[in-house]
Protein backbone atom coordinates (compact mmCIF):
# COMPACT_ATOMS: atom_id res chain seq x y z
CA UNK A 1 -18.28 0.45 44.39
CA UNK A 2 -18.83 0.91 40.77
CA UNK A 3 -15.33 -0.41 39.57
CA UNK A 4 -15.38 -3.00 42.16
CA UNK A 5 -18.56 -4.29 40.72
CA UNK A 6 -16.93 -5.46 37.49
CA UNK A 7 -14.08 -7.73 39.53
CA UNK A 8 -16.85 -8.88 42.10
CA UNK A 9 -19.17 -10.23 39.00
CA UNK A 10 -16.26 -12.66 38.10
CA UNK A 11 -16.32 -14.40 41.15
CA UNK A 12 -19.34 -13.85 42.90
CA UNK A 13 -21.75 -13.13 39.65
CA UNK A 14 -25.10 -13.60 40.76
CA UNK A 15 -25.04 -11.74 44.32
CA UNK A 16 -22.92 -8.91 42.29
CA UNK A 17 -25.84 -8.30 39.94
CA UNK A 18 -28.27 -8.12 42.71
CA UNK A 19 -26.22 -5.40 44.26
CA UNK A 20 -26.01 -3.57 41.13
CA UNK A 21 -29.73 -3.68 40.72
CA UNK A 22 -30.08 -2.12 43.91
CA UNK A 23 -27.29 0.09 43.78
CA UNK A 24 -28.35 3.84 43.94
CA UNK A 25 -26.49 4.95 40.65
CA UNK A 26 -26.83 6.68 37.58
CA UNK A 27 -25.98 6.31 33.93
CA UNK A 28 -23.64 9.26 34.07
CA UNK A 29 -21.91 7.88 37.19
CA UNK A 30 -21.44 4.24 35.57
CA UNK A 31 -20.15 6.05 32.52
CA UNK A 32 -17.63 8.33 34.16
CA UNK A 33 -16.42 6.21 36.95
CA UNK A 34 -16.58 2.91 34.95
CA UNK A 35 -16.84 3.04 31.12
CA UNK A 36 -14.66 5.90 30.02
CA UNK A 37 -11.95 4.01 31.97
CA UNK A 38 -12.37 0.28 30.99
CA UNK A 39 -13.00 1.32 27.36
CA UNK A 40 -9.85 2.98 26.92
CA UNK A 41 -7.91 0.14 28.11
CA UNK A 42 -8.02 -1.85 24.55
CA UNK A 43 -7.17 1.14 22.48
CA UNK A 44 -4.42 2.34 24.82
CA UNK A 45 -2.91 -1.14 25.03
CA UNK A 46 -3.02 -1.34 21.17
CA UNK A 47 -1.41 1.99 20.64
CA UNK A 48 1.40 0.86 23.06
CA UNK A 49 1.90 -2.49 21.37
CA UNK A 50 1.45 -0.76 17.71
CA UNK A 51 4.13 2.01 18.06
CA UNK A 52 6.51 0.70 20.52
CA UNK A 53 6.48 -3.07 20.41
CA UNK A 54 4.91 -3.89 17.03
CA UNK A 55 4.37 -7.03 15.62
CA UNK A 56 5.97 -9.70 13.35
CA UNK A 57 4.82 -12.31 10.57
CA UNK A 58 7.32 -15.14 10.49
CA UNK A 59 10.98 -14.50 11.07
CA UNK A 60 12.03 -10.92 10.94
CA UNK A 61 11.63 -7.48 12.57
CA UNK A 62 8.75 -6.23 13.90
CA UNK A 63 6.56 -3.71 12.15
CA UNK A 64 5.33 -0.94 13.91
CA UNK A 65 2.57 2.20 13.27
CA UNK A 66 3.68 5.57 13.17
CA UNK A 67 2.84 7.20 16.21
CA UNK A 68 0.08 9.62 14.36
CA UNK A 69 -1.45 6.36 12.46
CA UNK A 70 -1.68 4.49 15.76
CA UNK A 71 -3.23 7.68 17.63
CA UNK A 72 -5.90 8.08 15.01
CA UNK A 73 -7.01 4.71 14.82
CA UNK A 74 -7.08 4.31 18.75
CA UNK A 75 -9.16 7.33 19.03
CA UNK A 76 -11.47 6.23 16.57
CA UNK A 77 -11.71 2.70 18.16
CA UNK A 78 -12.52 4.28 21.52
CA UNK A 79 -15.27 6.33 20.10
CA UNK A 80 -16.84 3.21 18.48
CA UNK A 81 -16.48 1.40 21.74
CA UNK A 82 -18.75 4.34 23.33
CA UNK A 83 -20.95 4.57 20.65
CA UNK A 84 -21.33 0.56 20.48
CA UNK A 85 -22.18 0.33 23.95
CA UNK A 86 -24.80 3.25 23.66
CA UNK A 87 -26.33 1.36 20.64
CA UNK A 88 -26.63 -2.04 22.20
CA UNK A 89 -28.01 -0.53 25.47
CA UNK A 90 -30.67 1.10 23.31
CA UNK A 91 -31.47 -2.02 21.71
CA UNK A 92 -31.57 -3.87 25.20
CA UNK A 93 -34.40 -1.42 26.26
CA UNK A 94 -36.30 -1.86 23.26
CA UNK A 95 -36.04 -5.89 22.97
CA UNK A 96 -36.62 -6.24 26.82
CA UNK A 97 -40.27 -4.54 26.29
CA UNK A 98 -40.86 -7.42 23.82
CA UNK A 99 -41.09 -9.68 27.07
CA UNK A 100 -42.82 -7.17 29.13
CA UNK A 101 -40.05 -5.98 30.94
CA UNK A 102 -39.79 -2.16 31.52
CA UNK A 103 -36.38 -1.64 32.44
CA UNK A 104 -34.59 1.43 33.09
CA UNK A 105 -31.99 2.84 30.85
CA UNK A 106 -29.45 2.83 33.92
CA UNK A 107 -30.48 -0.92 34.22
CA UNK A 108 -29.57 -1.68 30.57
CA UNK A 109 -26.58 0.38 30.34
CA UNK A 110 -25.27 -1.26 33.70
CA UNK A 111 -25.93 -4.83 32.15
CA UNK A 112 -24.41 -3.99 28.87
CA UNK A 113 -21.37 -2.27 30.13
CA UNK A 114 -20.65 -4.52 33.22
CA UNK A 115 -20.91 -7.53 30.91
CA UNK A 116 -18.20 -6.25 28.51
CA UNK A 117 -15.62 -5.31 31.27
CA UNK A 118 -13.79 -9.04 30.88
CA UNK A 119 -13.41 -8.15 27.13
CA UNK A 120 -11.98 -4.47 28.42
CA UNK A 121 -9.34 -6.36 30.53
CA UNK A 122 -8.50 -8.81 27.89
CA UNK A 123 -7.85 -6.12 25.63
CA UNK A 124 -4.86 -5.21 27.77
CA UNK A 125 -3.35 -8.06 26.04
CA UNK A 126 -2.82 -6.05 22.71
CA UNK A 127 0.02 -4.10 24.72
CA UNK A 128 2.20 -6.90 23.61
CA UNK A 129 0.72 -8.02 20.14
CA UNK A 130 1.44 -11.94 20.27
CA UNK A 131 -1.57 -13.18 17.86
CA UNK A 132 -2.15 -16.38 19.51
CA UNK A 133 -1.73 -14.86 22.96
CA UNK A 134 -4.45 -12.18 22.15
CA UNK A 135 -6.81 -14.59 20.62
CA UNK A 136 -6.65 -16.84 23.48
CA UNK A 137 -7.06 -13.88 25.96
CA UNK A 138 -9.96 -12.52 23.80
CA UNK A 139 -11.64 -16.02 23.69
CA UNK A 140 -11.44 -16.29 27.61
CA UNK A 141 -12.90 -12.19 27.97
CA UNK A 142 -15.63 -13.14 25.53
CA UNK A 143 -16.77 -16.24 27.33
CA UNK A 144 -16.72 -14.59 30.43
CA UNK A 145 -18.57 -11.52 28.99
CA UNK A 146 -21.38 -14.11 27.74
CA UNK A 147 -21.63 -15.57 30.99
CA UNK A 148 -22.04 -12.41 32.70
CA UNK A 149 -24.64 -11.20 30.14
CA UNK A 150 -26.55 -14.28 30.34
CA UNK A 151 -26.55 -14.57 34.27
CA UNK A 152 -27.29 -10.93 34.85
CA UNK A 153 -30.22 -10.29 32.12
CA UNK A 154 -32.92 -11.73 34.19
CA UNK A 155 -31.71 -9.99 37.49
CA UNK A 156 -31.30 -6.82 35.40
CA UNK A 157 -34.50 -6.85 33.50
CA UNK A 158 -36.80 -8.36 36.06
CA UNK A 159 -37.56 -11.74 34.03
CA UNK A 160 -37.49 -15.16 34.78
CA UNK A 161 -34.69 -17.52 33.71
CA UNK A 162 -35.97 -18.69 30.34
CA UNK A 163 -37.19 -14.97 29.29
CA UNK A 164 -33.83 -14.12 30.40
CA UNK A 165 -31.84 -16.50 28.45
CA UNK A 166 -33.80 -15.52 25.21
CA UNK A 167 -33.53 -11.65 25.76
CA UNK A 168 -29.51 -12.42 26.52
CA UNK A 169 -29.10 -14.34 23.29
CA UNK A 170 -31.09 -11.34 21.59
CA UNK A 171 -28.48 -9.05 23.28
CA UNK A 172 -25.62 -11.12 22.07
CA UNK A 173 -26.62 -11.21 18.47
CA UNK A 174 -26.75 -7.40 18.69
CA UNK A 175 -23.59 -6.91 19.74
CA UNK A 176 -22.16 -9.51 17.24
CA UNK A 177 -24.29 -7.35 14.62
CA UNK A 178 -22.63 -4.25 16.06
CA UNK A 179 -19.15 -5.55 16.23
CA UNK A 180 -19.50 -6.62 12.54
CA UNK A 181 -20.59 -3.11 11.50
CA UNK A 182 -17.72 -1.72 13.02
CA UNK A 183 -15.17 -4.09 11.30
CA UNK A 184 -16.75 -3.25 7.75
CA UNK A 185 -16.55 0.36 8.49
CA UNK A 186 -12.79 0.16 9.09
CA UNK A 187 -12.46 -1.88 5.93
CA UNK A 188 -14.29 0.52 3.92
CA UNK A 189 -12.14 3.41 5.03
CA UNK A 190 -8.90 1.40 4.44
CA UNK A 191 -10.22 0.90 1.32
CA UNK A 192 -10.77 4.69 0.85
CA UNK A 193 -6.97 5.05 1.64
CA UNK A 194 -7.02 5.65 5.30
CA UNK A 195 -5.24 2.42 6.56
CA UNK A 196 -2.61 2.81 9.34
CA UNK A 197 0.63 3.62 8.14
CA UNK A 198 3.87 1.45 8.92
CA UNK A 199 6.77 3.06 10.35
CA UNK A 200 10.22 2.92 8.58
């Protein structure tokens, strides 16, 4: 049921959020049966795309990363996704209390994790790194994730629609700040000489 929830949310959003709210599950089950699989999709796809397909700038042959370099980057990206989900979950629980809600850690974790599922699926496009296609599918995934977040917040946090909208906006900002922080960290590491290595 846990994996099916993510697909059901895309076509029957409010009803499935209600089912998730009532579901007898735990953070551990969501993590083991959903997050570790879905969070791996973008890094694994990017690894395949960077080492076997490569990307081109203008006319010319594609550039690929070395296996070791791509593996390191993919593992770090995977860990960053898992850490980011945990951080946003904690922020969600803390912010929800401002509105008088007392959500469980499971409810916050489910809200954040399932809301991100369209982005995880869109990350599969990295297996074939074409910039315009990756950006287009990324924007579609981002838009669907925002829709799920705004629809699910009031349900999962037991808030009215107005409070849910405001809280969802706060969660979105926290997510964007987290993403920006990850990008800044990557740039810092690259500046220290830990940038990916192009295969010759």
